Every structure is written in structure tokens, then in C-alpha cells.
Amino acid sequence: SITIGSEYLGRVAVADGKEIAANTIQCAAEAEALLASAERVKAITPLCVGVGATCASFALLTPTIVESLRLSGSVQLMTELYLLCPLVSVLAAAVANLALEETREFAGRAINVGV
């Protein structure tokens, strides 16, 4: 009678352990999916950095471009050329910031999975 009861308790403990393991694996898989989404969103950041650096380099060349194309007569075109590179740099920085915010959101959600 004692061995039957002990066997029952042992099997219940094994079943409980398997249930806990299954729930743990499920939580880990959900968190991994959220982290994969965060990595996907974060992948745009190097492109934004490259675009910003390229635009900064071109902004330094703008006076030379204006001089070589003899655009000093067209004030509107000169203004557009001078503002183009900084505008693109700011847009690239804004996209990188949005990616950062979304990455933080995904990471926060991954941390709270199973809580």
C-alpha cells in the first residue's frame, strides 16, 4: 500500500515537472520570437548611420558643387542644394530613433513574457 501511494506521488511529480518544462519552453519560444522581431527592426540602424555619414560628407562638398555648376544665379536651387543633405541626415536619424523605440518595445515585451 505504501509503494502504490509512493508510485502515484512520483508519477504526479514527473507529470508536474513535464508541465512546467512545457510552459517554460513555450515562454522561451514567445520571447525568442519577440527578440527576433526586435533584431529585424534594429537591422535598419546601420543603413541610417551610413546615409547620415554620406550626407554629412556631401554637405561639405555642396559649396564646391555649387561653384562648379555655376548655380550662383539661382538662389532657390542653391538653397535646395544646401538644405538637401542636412534634411536627409535628419530623416535618417529620425528613422533610426523610431527603430530604437520599436526595438525597446519588443525587448520590454520579451522580458515580460510569462509574467
C-alpha atoms as a PDB file:
ATOM      1  CA  SER A   1       0.000   0.000   0.000  1.00  0.00           C
ATOM      2  CA  ILE A   2       2.856   2.405   0.765  1.00  0.00           C
ATOM      3  CA  THR A   3       4.612   1.626  -2.521  1.00  0.00           C
ATOM      4  CA  ILE A   4       1.433   2.227  -4.539  1.00  0.00           C
ATOM      5  CA  GLY A   5       0.967   5.618  -2.906  1.00  0.00           C
ATOM      6  CA  SER A   6       4.641   6.474  -3.398  1.00  0.00           C
ATOM      7  CA  GLU A   7       4.489   5.435  -7.045  1.00  0.00           C
ATOM      8  CA  TYR A   8       1.424   7.637  -7.553  1.00  0.00           C
ATOM      9  CA  LEU A   9       3.122  10.626  -5.916  1.00  0.00           C
ATOM     10  CA  GLY A  10       6.247  10.041  -8.013  1.00  0.00           C
ATOM     11  CA  ARG A  11       4.277   9.911 -11.267  1.00  0.00           C
ATOM     12  CA  VAL A  12       2.346  13.048 -10.330  1.00  0.00           C
ATOM     13  CA  ALA A  13       5.634  14.828  -9.612  1.00  0.00           C
ATOM     14  CA  VAL A  14       7.010  13.730 -13.014  1.00  0.00           C
ATOM     15  CA  ALA A  15       3.840  14.942 -14.756  1.00  0.00           C
ATOM     16  CA  ASP A  16       4.070  18.281 -12.924  1.00  0.00           C
ATOM     17  CA  GLY A  17       7.703  18.596 -13.984  1.00  0.00           C
ATOM     18  CA  LYS A  18       6.824  17.926 -17.614  1.00  0.00           C
ATOM     19  CA  GLU A  19       4.042  20.526 -17.488  1.00  0.00           C
ATOM     20  CA  ILE A  20       6.387  23.118 -16.012  1.00  0.00           C
ATOM     21  CA  ALA A  21       9.017  22.300 -18.646  1.00  0.00           C
ATOM     22  CA  ALA A  22       6.458  22.652 -21.443  1.00  0.00           C
ATOM     23  CA  ASN A  23       5.317  26.034 -20.124  1.00  0.00           C
ATOM     24  CA  THR A  24       8.917  27.175 -19.803  1.00  0.00           C
ATOM     25  CA  ILE A  25       9.700  26.147 -23.379  1.00  0.00           C
ATOM     26  CA  GLN A  26       6.568  27.947 -24.597  1.00  0.00           C
ATOM     27  CA  CYS A  27       7.562  31.174 -22.781  1.00  0.00           C
ATOM     28  CA  ALA A  28      11.096  30.915 -24.141  1.00  0.00           C
ATOM     29  CA  ALA A  29       9.777  30.475 -27.684  1.00  0.00           C
ATOM     30  CA  GLU A  30       7.490  33.501 -27.364  1.00  0.00           C
ATOM     31  CA  ALA A  31      10.338  35.609 -26.002  1.00  0.00           C
ATOM     32  CA  GLU A  32      12.639  34.417 -28.794  1.00  0.00           C
ATOM     33  CA  ALA A  33      10.051  35.422 -31.401  1.00  0.00           C
ATOM     34  CA  LEU A  34       9.815  38.898 -29.878  1.00  0.00           C
ATOM     35  CA  LEU A  35      13.603  39.233 -29.798  1.00  0.00           C
ATOM     36  CA  ALA A  36      13.780  38.169 -33.454  1.00  0.00           C
ATOM     37  CA  SER A  37      11.317  40.936 -34.275  1.00  0.00           C
ATOM     38  CA  ALA A  38      13.495  43.390 -32.347  1.00  0.00           C
ATOM     39  CA  GLU A  39      16.558  42.306 -34.334  1.00  0.00           C
ATOM     40  CA  ARG A  40      14.648  42.698 -37.589  1.00  0.00           C
ATOM     41  CA  VAL A  41      13.662  46.255 -36.657  1.00  0.00           C
ATOM     42  CA  LYS A  42      17.182  47.060 -35.467  1.00  0.00           C
ATOM     43  CA  ALA A  43      18.674  45.978 -38.807  1.00  0.00           C
ATOM     44  CA  ILE A  44      17.857  49.367 -40.377  1.00  0.00           C
ATOM     45  CA  THR A  45      20.184  51.241 -37.987  1.00  0.00           C
ATOM     46  CA  PRO A  46      23.480  50.670 -39.891  1.00  0.00           C
ATOM     47  CA  LEU A  47      21.821  51.889 -43.088  1.00  0.00           C
ATOM     48  CA  CYS A  48      20.672  55.051 -41.313  1.00  0.00           C
ATOM     49  CA  VAL A  49      24.184  55.648 -39.983  1.00  0.00           C
ATOM     50  CA  GLY A  50      25.658  55.180 -43.458  1.00  0.00           C
ATOM     51  CA  VAL A  51      23.150  57.540 -45.052  1.00  0.00           C
ATOM     52  CA  GLY A  52      23.781  60.154 -42.349  1.00  0.00           C
ATOM     53  CA  ALA A  53      27.561  59.931 -42.755  1.00  0.00           C
ATOM     54  CA  THR A  54      27.316  60.099 -46.538  1.00  0.00           C
ATOM     55  CA  CYS A  55      25.070  63.135 -46.363  1.00  0.00           C
ATOM     56  CA  ALA A  56      27.469  64.816 -43.939  1.00  0.00           C
ATOM     57  CA  SER A  57      30.282  64.257 -46.435  1.00  0.00           C
ATOM     58  CA  PHE A  58      28.201  65.593 -49.307  1.00  0.00           C
ATOM     59  CA  ALA A  59      27.200  68.622 -47.239  1.00  0.00           C
ATOM     60  CA  LEU A  60      30.876  69.526 -47.067  1.00  0.00           C
ATOM     61  CA  LEU A  61      31.071  69.278 -50.854  1.00  0.00           C
ATOM     62  CA  THR A  62      27.986  71.409 -51.554  1.00  0.00           C
ATOM     63  CA  PRO A  63      29.882  74.721 -51.944  1.00  0.00           C
ATOM     64  CA  THR A  64      32.211  73.094 -54.459  1.00  0.00           C
ATOM     65  CA  ILE A  65      29.270  71.600 -56.377  1.00  0.00           C
ATOM     66  CA  VAL A  66      27.508  74.967 -56.482  1.00  0.00           C
ATOM     67  CA  GLU A  67      30.700  76.623 -57.702  1.00  0.00           C
ATOM     68  CA  SER A  68      31.451  74.018 -60.361  1.00  0.00           C
ATOM     69  CA  LEU A  69      27.885  74.035 -61.735  1.00  0.00           C
ATOM     70  CA  ARG A  70      27.789  77.853 -61.664  1.00  0.00           C
ATOM     71  CA  LEU A  71      24.489  77.966 -59.795  1.00  0.00           C
ATOM     72  CA  SER A  72      25.161  81.246 -58.031  1.00  0.00           C
ATOM     73  CA  GLY A  73      22.426  82.948 -60.090  1.00  0.00           C
ATOM     74  CA  SER A  74      19.635  80.649 -58.907  1.00  0.00           C
ATOM     75  CA  VAL A  75      19.115  81.345 -55.217  1.00  0.00           C
ATOM     76  CA  GLN A  76      16.301  78.813 -54.913  1.00  0.00           C
ATOM     77  CA  LEU A  77      18.365  75.967 -56.391  1.00  0.00           C
ATOM     78  CA  MET A  78      21.357  76.884 -54.235  1.00  0.00           C
ATOM     79  CA  THR A  79      19.181  76.889 -51.130  1.00  0.00           C
ATOM     80  CA  GLU A  80      17.732  73.494 -52.051  1.00  0.00           C
ATOM     81  CA  LEU A  81      21.207  72.047 -52.564  1.00  0.00           C
ATOM     82  CA  TYR A  82      22.455  73.432 -49.253  1.00  0.00           C
ATOM     83  CA  LEU A  83      19.437  72.043 -47.378  1.00  0.00           C
ATOM     84  CA  LEU A  84      19.174  68.657 -49.107  1.00  0.00           C
ATOM     85  CA  CYS A  85      21.932  66.802 -47.261  1.00  0.00           C
ATOM     86  CA  PRO A  86      21.051  68.024 -43.749  1.00  0.00           C
ATOM     87  CA  LEU A  87      17.397  67.194 -44.409  1.00  0.00           C
ATOM     88  CA  VAL A  88      18.229  63.638 -45.472  1.00  0.00           C
ATOM     89  CA  SER A  89      20.534  63.260 -42.437  1.00  0.00           C
ATOM     90  CA  VAL A  90      17.769  64.357 -40.082  1.00  0.00           C
ATOM     91  CA  LEU A  91      15.323  61.956 -41.719  1.00  0.00           C
ATOM     92  CA  ALA A  92      17.818  59.093 -41.380  1.00  0.00           C
ATOM     93  CA  ALA A  93      18.299  59.948 -37.702  1.00  0.00           C
ATOM     94  CA  ALA A  94      14.528  60.018 -37.193  1.00  0.00           C
ATOM     95  CA  VAL A  95      14.163  56.577 -38.769  1.00  0.00           C
ATOM     96  CA  ALA A  96      16.968  55.242 -36.556  1.00  0.00           C
ATOM     97  CA  ASN A  97      15.252  56.708 -33.483  1.00  0.00           C
ATOM     98  CA  LEU A  98      11.956  55.070 -34.442  1.00  0.00           C
ATOM     99  CA  ALA A  99      13.774  51.768 -34.856  1.00  0.00           C
ATOM    100  CA  LEU A 100      15.332  52.219 -31.408  1.00  0.00           C
ATOM    101  CA  GLU A 101      11.945  52.866 -29.808  1.00  0.00           C
ATOM    102  CA  GLU A 102      10.383  49.851 -31.502  1.00  0.00           C
ATOM    103  CA  THR A 103      13.343  47.662 -30.508  1.00  0.00           C
ATOM    104  CA  ARG A 104      12.936  48.763 -26.880  1.00  0.00           C
ATOM    105  CA  GLU A 105       9.232  47.935 -27.054  1.00  0.00           C
ATOM    106  CA  PHE A 106       9.884  44.427 -28.398  1.00  0.00           C
ATOM    107  CA  ALA A 107      12.629  43.821 -25.820  1.00  0.00           C
ATOM    108  CA  GLY A 108      10.373  45.007 -22.997  1.00  0.00           C
ATOM    109  CA  ARG A 109       7.616  42.712 -24.157  1.00  0.00           C
ATOM    110  CA  ALA A 110      10.103  39.826 -24.365  1.00  0.00           C
ATOM    111  CA  ILE A 111      11.222  40.482 -20.804  1.00  0.00           C
ATOM    112  CA  ASN A 112       7.629  40.373 -19.572  1.00  0.00           C
ATOM    113  CA  VAL A 113       6.644  37.140 -21.310  1.00  0.00           C
ATOM    114  CA  GLY A 114       5.269  34.690 -18.797  1.00  0.00           C
ATOM    115  CA  VAL A 115       4.943  37.241 -16.023  1.00  0.00           C
END
